[in-house]
Amino acid sequence: MRLHCYTYLEYRSLEDASVTKHEFLDGEIYAMAGGTPLHAALGAAVVTSLGNQLGGSPCRVYNSDLRVRVVATGLATYPDATVVRGDVESDLEDRQAVVNPKAIVEVLSDGTEAYDRGEKLAHYQKIASLDAVVLVSQKERRIELWQRENVGWVRAEAGRGQSVAVNSIGCTLTVDAVYDAAGAEESPVAPLKGSA
């Protein structure tokens, strides 16, 4: 049962006046919870790593202040990092929301992990320009990558001592480098089998 039925214009008005961030979907507005220091540090480490690798390329990395709109489903949200190739394309209803991300990064939280891995991932996979979704764990040294290939979306993951190649933007995320930069303690989890 829906509690409200806000228009996207009402959402934008609220968002423009708010000091906190909100997601919008199907007429509902959802407050986004603040993250832990580790969550923020992991997001910053990924943004820094991608930014260093993307220098001189047609891609630019943005932090969690950038709003992304999934045109196919109407979801408006703030990924922890977003990479756009070329010019930013804005949503027709919202000049502050981009609709053409090439790669999106989410740092997983206890309260949102199931949503990020399930429903939110499904929304992201409907973005025509998007070729990669990166999920970064807070529980262990693990980076999961969903990458669009000829056969559809393919999942890979890497643990301690490993890395994932985000082919569509020509970047590699090295697990230990990301977690070390974030000041994350060593995890007892062994490297994942079958990952490079």
N, C-alpha and C. Protein backbone atom coordinates (compact mmCIF):
# COMPACT_ATOMS: atom_id res chain seq x y z
N MET A 1 0.83 -1.18 0.00
CA MET A 1 0.00 0.00 0.00
C MET A 1 0.89 1.25 0.00
N ARG A 2 0.64 2.15 -0.94
CA ARG A 2 1.42 3.38 -1.04
C ARG A 2 0.89 4.41 -0.06
N LEU A 3 1.81 5.08 0.62
CA LEU A 3 1.43 6.10 1.58
C LEU A 3 1.20 7.46 0.93
N HIS A 4 1.97 7.75 -0.10
CA HIS A 4 1.91 9.04 -0.77
C HIS A 4 1.97 8.81 -2.27
N CYS A 5 1.75 9.86 -3.01
CA CYS A 5 1.95 9.80 -4.46
C CYS A 5 2.47 11.16 -4.91
N TYR A 6 3.75 11.39 -4.62
CA TYR A 6 4.38 12.65 -4.99
C TYR A 6 4.71 12.65 -6.48
N THR A 7 4.69 13.82 -7.06
CA THR A 7 5.17 13.95 -8.44
C THR A 7 6.68 14.13 -8.39
N TYR A 8 7.32 13.96 -9.52
CA TYR A 8 8.76 14.17 -9.55
C TYR A 8 9.10 15.63 -9.28
N LEU A 9 8.24 16.55 -9.72
CA LEU A 9 8.45 17.97 -9.45
C LEU A 9 8.40 18.24 -7.95
N GLU A 10 7.47 17.61 -7.23
CA GLU A 10 7.41 17.77 -5.77
C GLU A 10 8.68 17.22 -5.12
N TYR A 11 9.14 16.08 -5.62
CA TYR A 11 10.40 15.51 -5.11
C TYR A 11 11.55 16.48 -5.31
N ARG A 12 11.66 17.05 -6.51
CA ARG A 12 12.75 17.98 -6.79
C ARG A 12 12.68 19.21 -5.90
N SER A 13 11.49 19.71 -5.64
CA SER A 13 11.32 20.87 -4.77
C SER A 13 11.80 20.55 -3.36
N LEU A 14 11.44 19.37 -2.88
CA LEU A 14 11.89 18.94 -1.55
C LEU A 14 13.40 18.79 -1.53
N GLU A 15 13.93 18.16 -2.55
CA GLU A 15 15.37 17.88 -2.61
C GLU A 15 16.19 19.16 -2.69
N ASP A 16 15.70 20.13 -3.44
CA ASP A 16 16.41 21.40 -3.58
C ASP A 16 16.48 22.16 -2.26
N ALA A 17 15.49 21.95 -1.38
CA ALA A 17 15.44 22.67 -0.11
C ALA A 17 15.99 21.86 1.07
N SER A 18 16.34 20.61 0.82
CA SER A 18 16.72 19.70 1.90
C SER A 18 18.23 19.68 2.12
N VAL A 19 18.62 19.43 3.37
CA VAL A 19 20.03 19.26 3.69
C VAL A 19 20.42 17.78 3.67
N THR A 20 19.43 16.90 3.51
CA THR A 20 19.69 15.47 3.39
C THR A 20 19.27 15.00 2.01
N LYS A 21 19.78 13.85 1.61
CA LYS A 21 19.47 13.30 0.29
C LYS A 21 18.31 12.31 0.39
N HIS A 22 17.55 12.23 -0.71
CA HIS A 22 16.41 11.33 -0.78
C HIS A 22 16.41 10.62 -2.12
N GLU A 23 15.90 9.39 -2.13
CA GLU A 23 15.63 8.68 -3.38
C GLU A 23 14.17 8.89 -3.73
N PHE A 24 13.86 8.74 -5.01
CA PHE A 24 12.48 8.86 -5.48
C PHE A 24 12.18 7.65 -6.36
N LEU A 25 11.02 7.04 -6.12
CA LEU A 25 10.57 5.93 -6.96
C LEU A 25 9.07 5.76 -6.80
N ASP A 26 8.37 5.68 -7.91
CA ASP A 26 6.93 5.39 -7.92
C ASP A 26 6.12 6.29 -7.00
N GLY A 27 6.43 7.58 -7.00
CA GLY A 27 5.66 8.52 -6.21
C GLY A 27 6.02 8.58 -4.74
N GLU A 28 7.00 7.80 -4.32
CA GLU A 28 7.44 7.80 -2.92
C GLU A 28 8.82 8.44 -2.81
N ILE A 29 9.05 9.12 -1.70
CA ILE A 29 10.33 9.75 -1.40
C ILE A 29 10.91 9.07 -0.18
N TYR A 30 12.15 8.59 -0.33
CA TYR A 30 12.79 7.83 0.74
C TYR A 30 14.06 8.55 1.20
N ALA A 31 14.14 8.82 2.50
CA ALA A 31 15.36 9.44 3.05
C ALA A 31 16.50 8.44 2.95
N MET A 32 17.67 8.93 2.57
CA MET A 32 18.86 8.09 2.50
C MET A 32 19.63 8.24 3.81
N ALA A 33 19.91 7.12 4.44
CA ALA A 33 20.62 7.15 5.73
C ALA A 33 22.07 7.56 5.53
N GLY A 34 22.61 8.19 6.55
CA GLY A 34 24.03 8.54 6.52
C GLY A 34 24.87 7.28 6.65
N GLY A 35 26.07 7.31 6.11
CA GLY A 35 26.94 6.14 6.15
C GLY A 35 27.92 6.19 7.30
N THR A 36 28.59 5.08 7.51
CA THR A 36 29.63 4.99 8.53
C THR A 36 30.91 5.67 8.02
N PRO A 37 31.87 5.94 8.92
CA PRO A 37 33.15 6.47 8.43
C PRO A 37 33.81 5.54 7.41
N LEU A 38 33.71 4.22 7.62
CA LEU A 38 34.30 3.28 6.66
C LEU A 38 33.60 3.38 5.31
N HIS A 39 32.28 3.50 5.33
CA HIS A 39 31.51 3.66 4.09
C HIS A 39 32.02 4.88 3.32
N ALA A 40 32.14 6.00 4.01
CA ALA A 40 32.60 7.23 3.37
C ALA A 40 34.03 7.09 2.86
N ALA A 41 34.89 6.44 3.65
CA ALA A 41 36.29 6.27 3.25
C ALA A 41 36.42 5.35 2.05
N LEU A 42 35.63 4.28 1.99
CA LEU A 42 35.67 3.38 0.83
C LEU A 42 35.19 4.10 -0.42
N GLY A 43 34.11 4.88 -0.29
CA GLY A 43 33.63 5.65 -1.43
C GLY A 43 34.68 6.61 -1.93
N ALA A 44 35.34 7.30 -1.00
CA ALA A 44 36.39 8.25 -1.39
C ALA A 44 37.58 7.54 -2.03
N ALA A 45 37.94 6.36 -1.50
CA ALA A 45 39.07 5.61 -2.07
C ALA A 45 38.78 5.18 -3.50
N VAL A 46 37.54 4.76 -3.77
CA VAL A 46 37.18 4.35 -5.14
C VAL A 46 37.18 5.56 -6.06
N VAL A 47 36.62 6.68 -5.61
CA VAL A 47 36.60 7.90 -6.43
C VAL A 47 38.03 8.32 -6.76
N THR A 48 38.92 8.28 -5.77
CA THR A 48 40.32 8.67 -6.00
C THR A 48 41.01 7.72 -6.98
N SER A 49 40.81 6.41 -6.79
CA SER A 49 41.43 5.44 -7.68
C SER A 49 40.95 5.62 -9.12
N LEU A 50 39.65 5.74 -9.29
CA LEU A 50 39.11 5.92 -10.65
C LEU A 50 39.57 7.25 -11.24
N GLY A 51 39.54 8.32 -10.43
CA GLY A 51 39.96 9.63 -10.93
C GLY A 51 41.40 9.63 -11.40
N ASN A 52 42.28 8.95 -10.64
CA ASN A 52 43.69 8.87 -11.04
C ASN A 52 43.86 8.12 -12.36
N GLN A 53 43.06 7.08 -12.55
CA GLN A 53 43.18 6.27 -13.77
C GLN A 53 42.52 6.91 -14.98
N LEU A 54 41.53 7.76 -14.74
CA LEU A 54 40.76 8.34 -15.86
C LEU A 54 41.35 9.63 -16.40
N GLY A 55 42.42 10.12 -15.79
CA GLY A 55 43.05 11.35 -16.27
C GLY A 55 43.41 11.24 -17.75
N GLY A 56 43.00 12.21 -18.53
CA GLY A 56 43.29 12.21 -19.96
C GLY A 56 42.32 11.41 -20.80
N SER A 57 41.36 10.74 -20.16
CA SER A 57 40.36 9.97 -20.91
C SER A 57 39.09 10.81 -21.07
N PRO A 58 38.15 10.36 -21.89
CA PRO A 58 36.90 11.11 -22.05
C PRO A 58 35.93 10.89 -20.89
N CYS A 59 36.35 10.16 -19.87
CA CYS A 59 35.48 9.85 -18.73
C CYS A 59 35.81 10.74 -17.54
N ARG A 60 34.79 11.02 -16.74
CA ARG A 60 34.97 11.77 -15.49
C ARG A 60 34.23 11.05 -14.38
N VAL A 61 34.86 11.03 -13.19
CA VAL A 61 34.24 10.39 -12.03
C VAL A 61 33.63 11.45 -11.13
N TYR A 62 32.46 11.13 -10.56
CA TYR A 62 31.73 12.02 -9.66
C TYR A 62 31.50 11.30 -8.34
N ASN A 63 31.42 12.08 -7.25
CA ASN A 63 31.15 11.47 -5.95
C ASN A 63 29.65 11.35 -5.71
N SER A 64 29.27 11.07 -4.47
CA SER A 64 27.87 10.77 -4.14
C SER A 64 26.95 11.98 -4.15
N ASP A 65 27.45 13.15 -4.52
CA ASP A 65 26.57 14.32 -4.65
C ASP A 65 25.83 14.35 -5.98
N LEU A 66 26.23 13.50 -6.92
CA LEU A 66 25.59 13.50 -8.24
C LEU A 66 24.35 12.62 -8.24
N ARG A 67 23.23 13.22 -8.63
CA ARG A 67 21.97 12.47 -8.73
C ARG A 67 21.90 11.79 -10.09
N VAL A 68 21.51 10.51 -10.07
CA VAL A 68 21.34 9.72 -11.30
C VAL A 68 19.87 9.37 -11.42
N ARG A 69 19.31 9.51 -12.60
CA ARG A 69 17.91 9.15 -12.85
C ARG A 69 17.88 8.00 -13.84
N VAL A 70 17.15 6.95 -13.46
CA VAL A 70 16.95 5.80 -14.35
C VAL A 70 15.67 6.08 -15.13
N VAL A 71 15.79 6.50 -16.37
CA VAL A 71 14.64 6.91 -17.16
C VAL A 71 13.62 5.78 -17.29
N ALA A 72 14.09 4.56 -17.48
CA ALA A 72 13.19 3.43 -17.72
C ALA A 72 12.29 3.11 -16.54
N THR A 73 12.73 3.43 -15.32
CA THR A 73 11.95 3.07 -14.13
C THR A 73 11.56 4.26 -13.28
N GLY A 74 12.19 5.41 -13.50
CA GLY A 74 11.89 6.60 -12.73
C GLY A 74 12.70 6.77 -11.47
N LEU A 75 13.52 5.80 -11.11
CA LEU A 75 14.33 5.92 -9.90
C LEU A 75 15.28 7.10 -10.00
N ALA A 76 15.33 7.89 -8.93
CA ALA A 76 16.34 8.95 -8.78
C ALA A 76 17.11 8.63 -7.52
N THR A 77 18.44 8.58 -7.62
CA THR A 77 19.24 8.18 -6.47
C THR A 77 20.64 8.77 -6.58
N TYR A 78 21.43 8.53 -5.55
CA TYR A 78 22.79 9.07 -5.46
C TYR A 78 23.78 7.93 -5.25
N PRO A 79 24.35 7.36 -6.32
CA PRO A 79 25.37 6.32 -6.13
C PRO A 79 26.58 6.89 -5.40
N ASP A 80 27.37 6.01 -4.79
CA ASP A 80 28.58 6.46 -4.09
C ASP A 80 29.62 7.01 -5.05
N ALA A 81 29.63 6.54 -6.28
CA ALA A 81 30.48 7.09 -7.34
C ALA A 81 29.82 6.81 -8.67
N THR A 82 29.99 7.74 -9.60
CA THR A 82 29.42 7.60 -10.94
C THR A 82 30.47 8.04 -11.95
N VAL A 83 30.63 7.27 -13.01
CA VAL A 83 31.52 7.66 -14.10
C VAL A 83 30.66 7.93 -15.33
N VAL A 84 30.90 9.09 -15.94
CA VAL A 84 30.21 9.47 -17.18
C VAL A 84 31.26 9.62 -18.27
N ARG A 85 30.96 9.04 -19.42
CA ARG A 85 31.86 9.19 -20.58
C ARG A 85 31.32 10.32 -21.46
N GLY A 86 32.18 11.27 -21.78
CA GLY A 86 31.76 12.39 -22.63
C GLY A 86 30.91 13.39 -21.87
N ASP A 87 30.02 14.05 -22.59
CA ASP A 87 29.18 15.07 -21.99
C ASP A 87 28.11 14.47 -21.09
N VAL A 88 27.81 15.18 -20.03
CA VAL A 88 26.72 14.79 -19.13
C VAL A 88 25.41 15.07 -19.84
N GLU A 89 24.52 14.08 -19.82
CA GLU A 89 23.16 14.25 -20.34
C GLU A 89 22.21 14.34 -19.16
N SER A 90 21.45 15.43 -19.09
CA SER A 90 20.54 15.65 -17.99
C SER A 90 19.16 15.09 -18.29
N ASP A 91 18.45 14.75 -17.23
CA ASP A 91 17.08 14.28 -17.35
C ASP A 91 16.21 15.43 -17.84
N LEU A 92 15.22 15.13 -18.66
CA LEU A 92 14.34 16.16 -19.20
C LEU A 92 13.55 16.87 -18.11
N GLU A 93 13.24 16.17 -17.03
CA GLU A 93 12.49 16.76 -15.91
C GLU A 93 13.39 17.32 -14.83
N ASP A 94 14.69 17.10 -14.94
CA ASP A 94 15.58 17.45 -13.83
C ASP A 94 16.97 17.72 -14.36
N ARG A 95 17.32 18.98 -14.50
CA ARG A 95 18.62 19.36 -15.05
C ARG A 95 19.78 18.95 -14.15
N GLN A 96 19.50 18.65 -12.86
CA GLN A 96 20.54 18.27 -11.92
C GLN A 96 20.78 16.76 -11.87
N ALA A 97 19.99 16.00 -12.61
CA ALA A 97 20.13 14.53 -12.60
C ALA A 97 20.67 14.07 -13.95
N VAL A 98 21.70 13.21 -13.91
CA VAL A 98 22.26 12.68 -15.15
C VAL A 98 21.58 11.35 -15.51
N VAL A 99 21.53 11.09 -16.79
CA VAL A 99 20.87 9.87 -17.27
C VAL A 99 21.81 8.98 -18.06
N ASN A 100 23.09 9.37 -18.19
CA ASN A 100 24.00 8.60 -19.02
C ASN A 100 25.27 8.12 -18.30
N PRO A 101 25.14 7.51 -17.12
CA PRO A 101 26.35 6.98 -16.48
C PRO A 101 26.92 5.81 -17.26
N LYS A 102 28.22 5.67 -17.23
CA LYS A 102 28.90 4.53 -17.86
C LYS A 102 29.19 3.46 -16.81
N ALA A 103 29.49 3.90 -15.58
CA ALA A 103 29.76 2.98 -14.48
C ALA A 103 29.23 3.60 -13.19
N ILE A 104 28.75 2.74 -12.29
CA ILE A 104 28.21 3.18 -11.01
C ILE A 104 28.85 2.33 -9.92
N VAL A 105 29.15 2.96 -8.78
CA VAL A 105 29.71 2.26 -7.63
C VAL A 105 28.79 2.45 -6.43
N GLU A 106 28.50 1.36 -5.73
CA GLU A 106 27.76 1.41 -4.47
C GLU A 106 28.60 0.73 -3.39
N VAL A 107 28.79 1.40 -2.26
CA VAL A 107 29.40 0.78 -1.10
C VAL A 107 28.26 0.18 -0.29
N LEU A 108 28.33 -1.11 -0.03
CA LEU A 108 27.24 -1.82 0.62
C LEU A 108 27.18 -1.52 2.11
N SER A 109 25.98 -1.34 2.63
CA SER A 109 25.75 -1.12 4.06
C SER A 109 24.85 -2.23 4.57
N ASP A 110 24.91 -2.48 5.87
CA ASP A 110 24.06 -3.53 6.45
C ASP A 110 22.59 -3.30 6.12
N GLY A 111 22.14 -2.05 6.22
CA GLY A 111 20.73 -1.76 6.01
C GLY A 111 20.29 -1.73 4.56
N THR A 112 21.24 -1.59 3.63
CA THR A 112 20.85 -1.45 2.22
C THR A 112 21.42 -2.53 1.30
N GLU A 113 22.20 -3.46 1.84
CA GLU A 113 22.89 -4.43 0.98
C GLU A 113 21.92 -5.24 0.13
N ALA A 114 20.84 -5.73 0.73
CA ALA A 114 19.88 -6.54 -0.04
C ALA A 114 19.24 -5.71 -1.16
N TYR A 115 18.90 -4.47 -0.86
CA TYR A 115 18.32 -3.57 -1.86
C TYR A 115 19.34 -3.27 -2.96
N ASP A 116 20.59 -2.94 -2.56
CA ASP A 116 21.63 -2.61 -3.55
C ASP A 116 21.92 -3.79 -4.47
N ARG A 117 21.92 -5.00 -3.93
CA ARG A 117 22.21 -6.20 -4.73
C ARG A 117 21.03 -6.67 -5.56
N GLY A 118 19.83 -6.30 -5.14
CA GLY A 118 18.63 -6.79 -5.80
C GLY A 118 17.91 -5.74 -6.63
N GLU A 119 16.93 -5.09 -6.01
CA GLU A 119 16.07 -4.16 -6.73
C GLU A 119 16.84 -2.99 -7.34
N LYS A 120 17.75 -2.42 -6.58
CA LYS A 120 18.49 -1.26 -7.11
C LYS A 120 19.39 -1.66 -8.28
N LEU A 121 20.04 -2.81 -8.16
CA LEU A 121 20.86 -3.31 -9.26
C LEU A 121 20.01 -3.51 -10.51
N ALA A 122 18.81 -4.05 -10.34
CA ALA A 122 17.91 -4.27 -11.48
C ALA A 122 17.54 -2.94 -12.14
N HIS A 123 17.32 -1.91 -11.33
CA HIS A 123 17.05 -0.57 -11.89
C HIS A 123 18.26 -0.11 -12.70
N TYR A 124 19.44 -0.17 -12.11
CA TYR A 124 20.64 0.29 -12.79
C TYR A 124 20.85 -0.43 -14.12
N GLN A 125 20.59 -1.72 -14.15
CA GLN A 125 20.83 -2.50 -15.37
C GLN A 125 19.90 -2.12 -16.52
N LYS A 126 18.92 -1.26 -16.26
CA LYS A 126 18.03 -0.78 -17.31
C LYS A 126 18.52 0.53 -17.93
N ILE A 127 19.64 1.06 -17.44
CA ILE A 127 20.20 2.29 -18.01
C ILE A 127 20.96 1.91 -19.28
N ALA A 128 20.54 2.47 -20.41
CA ALA A 128 21.12 2.08 -21.70
C ALA A 128 22.62 2.33 -21.79
N SER A 129 23.11 3.41 -21.22
CA SER A 129 24.53 3.76 -21.32
C SER A 129 25.41 2.99 -20.34
N LEU A 130 24.81 2.39 -19.33
CA LEU A 130 25.57 1.79 -18.24
C LEU A 130 26.16 0.44 -18.64
N ASP A 131 27.45 0.27 -18.36
CA ASP A 131 28.13 -0.99 -18.66
C ASP A 131 28.71 -1.68 -17.43
N ALA A 132 28.73 -0.99 -16.27
CA ALA A 132 29.33 -1.62 -15.09
C ALA A 132 28.69 -1.09 -13.81
N VAL A 133 28.45 -2.02 -12.88
CA VAL A 133 28.02 -1.69 -11.51
C VAL A 133 29.01 -2.36 -10.58
N VAL A 134 29.65 -1.57 -9.72
CA VAL A 134 30.64 -2.06 -8.78
C VAL A 134 30.04 -2.01 -7.38
N LEU A 135 30.10 -3.13 -6.66
CA LEU A 135 29.59 -3.21 -5.30
C LEU A 135 30.77 -3.47 -4.36
N VAL A 136 30.96 -2.58 -3.40
CA VAL A 136 32.11 -2.65 -2.50
C VAL A 136 31.61 -3.03 -1.10
N SER A 137 32.12 -4.12 -0.55
CA SER A 137 31.67 -4.61 0.75
C SER A 137 32.32 -3.84 1.90
N GLN A 138 31.56 -3.63 2.97
CA GLN A 138 32.14 -3.10 4.21
C GLN A 138 32.50 -4.22 5.18
N LYS A 139 31.96 -5.42 4.94
CA LYS A 139 32.14 -6.54 5.87
C LYS A 139 33.47 -7.26 5.68
N GLU A 140 33.95 -7.25 4.45
CA GLU A 140 35.18 -7.96 4.12
C GLU A 140 35.83 -7.29 2.93
N ARG A 141 37.07 -7.63 2.66
CA ARG A 141 37.76 -7.08 1.49
C ARG A 141 37.25 -7.81 0.25
N ARG A 142 36.19 -7.23 -0.32
CA ARG A 142 35.57 -7.85 -1.50
C ARG A 142 34.95 -6.77 -2.37
N ILE A 143 35.28 -6.83 -3.65
CA ILE A 143 34.67 -5.95 -4.65
C ILE A 143 33.98 -6.85 -5.67
N GLU A 144 32.72 -6.57 -5.90
CA GLU A 144 31.91 -7.34 -6.85
C GLU A 144 31.63 -6.46 -8.06
N LEU A 145 31.72 -7.03 -9.23
CA LEU A 145 31.52 -6.27 -10.47
C LEU A 145 30.46 -6.94 -11.32
N TRP A 146 29.47 -6.17 -11.71
CA TRP A 146 28.49 -6.59 -12.70
C TRP A 146 28.82 -5.81 -13.96
N GLN A 147 29.12 -6.53 -15.06
CA GLN A 147 29.57 -5.90 -16.28
C GLN A 147 28.71 -6.36 -17.46
N ARG A 148 28.27 -5.39 -18.26
CA ARG A 148 27.46 -5.73 -19.44
C ARG A 148 28.37 -6.27 -20.53
N GLU A 149 28.05 -7.46 -21.01
CA GLU A 149 28.81 -8.06 -22.10
C GLU A 149 27.82 -8.51 -23.18
N ASN A 150 28.31 -9.10 -24.25
CA ASN A 150 27.43 -9.52 -25.34
C ASN A 150 26.35 -10.48 -24.89
N VAL A 151 26.66 -11.29 -23.89
CA VAL A 151 25.69 -12.29 -23.41
C VAL A 151 24.77 -11.73 -22.33
N GLY A 152 24.94 -10.46 -21.98
CA GLY A 152 24.14 -9.85 -20.91
C GLY A 152 25.04 -9.42 -19.76
N TRP A 153 24.47 -9.33 -18.58
CA TRP A 153 25.22 -8.90 -17.39
C TRP A 153 25.96 -10.08 -16.79
N VAL A 154 27.26 -9.92 -16.60
CA VAL A 154 28.12 -10.98 -16.07
C VAL A 154 28.73 -10.51 -14.75
N ARG A 155 28.72 -11.39 -13.76
CA ARG A 155 29.22 -11.05 -12.43
C ARG A 155 30.62 -11.61 -12.21
N ALA A 156 31.48 -10.79 -11.59
CA ALA A 156 32.82 -11.23 -11.17
C ALA A 156 33.07 -10.63 -9.80
N GLU A 157 33.96 -11.22 -9.04
CA GLU A 157 34.31 -10.64 -7.76
C GLU A 157 35.77 -10.90 -7.45
N ALA A 158 36.30 -10.07 -6.57
CA ALA A 158 37.70 -10.19 -6.19
C ALA A 158 37.82 -9.96 -4.69
N GLY A 159 38.74 -10.69 -4.08
CA GLY A 159 39.02 -10.55 -2.65
C GLY A 159 40.43 -10.06 -2.43
N ARG A 160 40.91 -10.25 -1.23
CA ARG A 160 42.24 -9.78 -0.86
C ARG A 160 43.29 -10.31 -1.85
N GLY A 161 44.18 -9.42 -2.28
CA GLY A 161 45.25 -9.79 -3.20
C GLY A 161 44.82 -9.87 -4.65
N GLN A 162 43.58 -9.45 -4.95
CA GLN A 162 43.05 -9.55 -6.31
C GLN A 162 42.54 -8.19 -6.79
N SER A 163 42.09 -8.15 -8.04
CA SER A 163 41.55 -6.92 -8.60
C SER A 163 40.45 -7.24 -9.59
N VAL A 164 39.66 -6.21 -9.92
CA VAL A 164 38.64 -6.36 -10.96
C VAL A 164 38.91 -5.31 -12.04
N ALA A 165 38.74 -5.71 -13.29
CA ALA A 165 38.94 -4.80 -14.42
C ALA A 165 37.58 -4.30 -14.88
N VAL A 166 37.38 -2.99 -14.81
CA VAL A 166 36.15 -2.36 -15.29
C VAL A 166 36.43 -1.95 -16.73
N ASN A 167 36.21 -2.90 -17.63
CA ASN A 167 36.65 -2.75 -19.02
C ASN A 167 36.07 -1.55 -19.74
N SER A 168 34.81 -1.24 -19.50
CA SER A 168 34.14 -0.18 -20.27
C SER A 168 34.74 1.21 -20.02
N ILE A 169 35.44 1.38 -18.89
CA ILE A 169 36.08 2.67 -18.63
C ILE A 169 37.60 2.55 -18.56
N GLY A 170 38.12 1.35 -18.83
CA GLY A 170 39.56 1.13 -18.86
C GLY A 170 40.23 1.28 -17.50
N CYS A 171 39.56 0.88 -16.44
CA CYS A 171 40.12 1.01 -15.08
C CYS A 171 40.19 -0.35 -14.40
N THR A 172 41.08 -0.44 -13.43
CA THR A 172 41.19 -1.63 -12.59
C THR A 172 41.10 -1.19 -11.14
N LEU A 173 40.28 -1.89 -10.36
CA LEU A 173 40.20 -1.63 -8.92
C LEU A 173 40.92 -2.76 -8.20
N THR A 174 42.01 -2.43 -7.54
CA THR A 174 42.78 -3.41 -6.77
C THR A 174 42.23 -3.41 -5.35
N VAL A 175 41.76 -4.56 -4.91
CA VAL A 175 41.06 -4.65 -3.64
C VAL A 175 41.90 -4.09 -2.49
N ASP A 176 43.12 -4.58 -2.32
CA ASP A 176 43.93 -4.13 -1.19
C ASP A 176 44.23 -2.63 -1.25
N ALA A 177 44.45 -2.11 -2.44
CA ALA A 177 44.73 -0.67 -2.56
C ALA A 177 43.53 0.15 -2.13
N VAL A 178 42.33 -0.26 -2.52
CA VAL A 178 41.11 0.47 -2.13
C VAL A 178 40.92 0.42 -0.62
N TYR A 179 41.02 -0.79 -0.04
CA TYR A 179 40.77 -0.93 1.39
C TYR A 179 41.89 -0.32 2.22
N ASP A 180 43.14 -0.40 1.75
CA ASP A 180 44.24 0.24 2.46
C ASP A 180 44.06 1.76 2.46
N ALA A 181 43.67 2.31 1.31
CA ALA A 181 43.46 3.76 1.22
C ALA A 181 42.33 4.22 2.14
N ALA A 182 41.37 3.33 2.36
CA ALA A 182 40.24 3.65 3.24
C ALA A 182 40.57 3.42 4.71
N GLY A 183 41.74 2.87 4.99
CA GLY A 183 42.12 2.58 6.37
C GLY A 183 41.38 1.40 6.96
N ALA A 184 40.91 0.50 6.09
CA ALA A 184 40.18 -0.68 6.55
C ALA A 184 41.15 -1.70 7.11
N GLU A 185 40.77 -2.32 8.22
CA GLU A 185 41.61 -3.35 8.83
C GLU A 185 41.62 -4.59 7.94
N GLU A 186 42.67 -5.38 8.10
CA GLU A 186 42.77 -6.63 7.34
C GLU A 186 41.59 -7.54 7.67
N SER A 187 41.10 -8.21 6.67
CA SER A 187 40.01 -9.16 6.85
C SER A 187 40.58 -10.57 6.86
N PRO A 188 40.04 -11.45 7.68
CA PRO A 188 40.52 -12.82 7.69
C PRO A 188 40.05 -13.63 6.50
N VAL A 189 39.22 -13.03 5.65
CA VAL A 189 38.67 -13.75 4.51
C VAL A 189 39.75 -14.00 3.47
N ALA A 190 39.85 -15.22 2.98
CA ALA A 190 40.83 -15.56 1.97
C ALA A 190 40.42 -15.02 0.61
N PRO A 191 41.36 -14.92 -0.33
CA PRO A 191 40.99 -14.47 -1.68
C PRO A 191 39.93 -15.40 -2.27
N LEU A 192 39.06 -14.83 -3.08
CA LEU A 192 37.97 -15.58 -3.69
C LEU A 192 38.49 -16.39 -4.85
N LYS A 193 38.02 -17.60 -4.96
CA LYS A 193 38.45 -18.48 -6.05
C LYS A 193 37.89 -18.00 -7.39
N GLY A 194 38.67 -18.18 -8.42
CA GLY A 194 38.22 -17.88 -9.77
C GLY A 194 38.27 -16.41 -10.11
N SER A 195 38.86 -15.57 -9.26
CA SER A 195 38.94 -14.14 -9.55
C SER A 195 40.38 -13.77 -9.88
N ALA A 196 40.52 -12.78 -10.73
CA ALA A 196 41.86 -12.33 -11.13
C ALA A 196 42.28 -11.14 -10.30
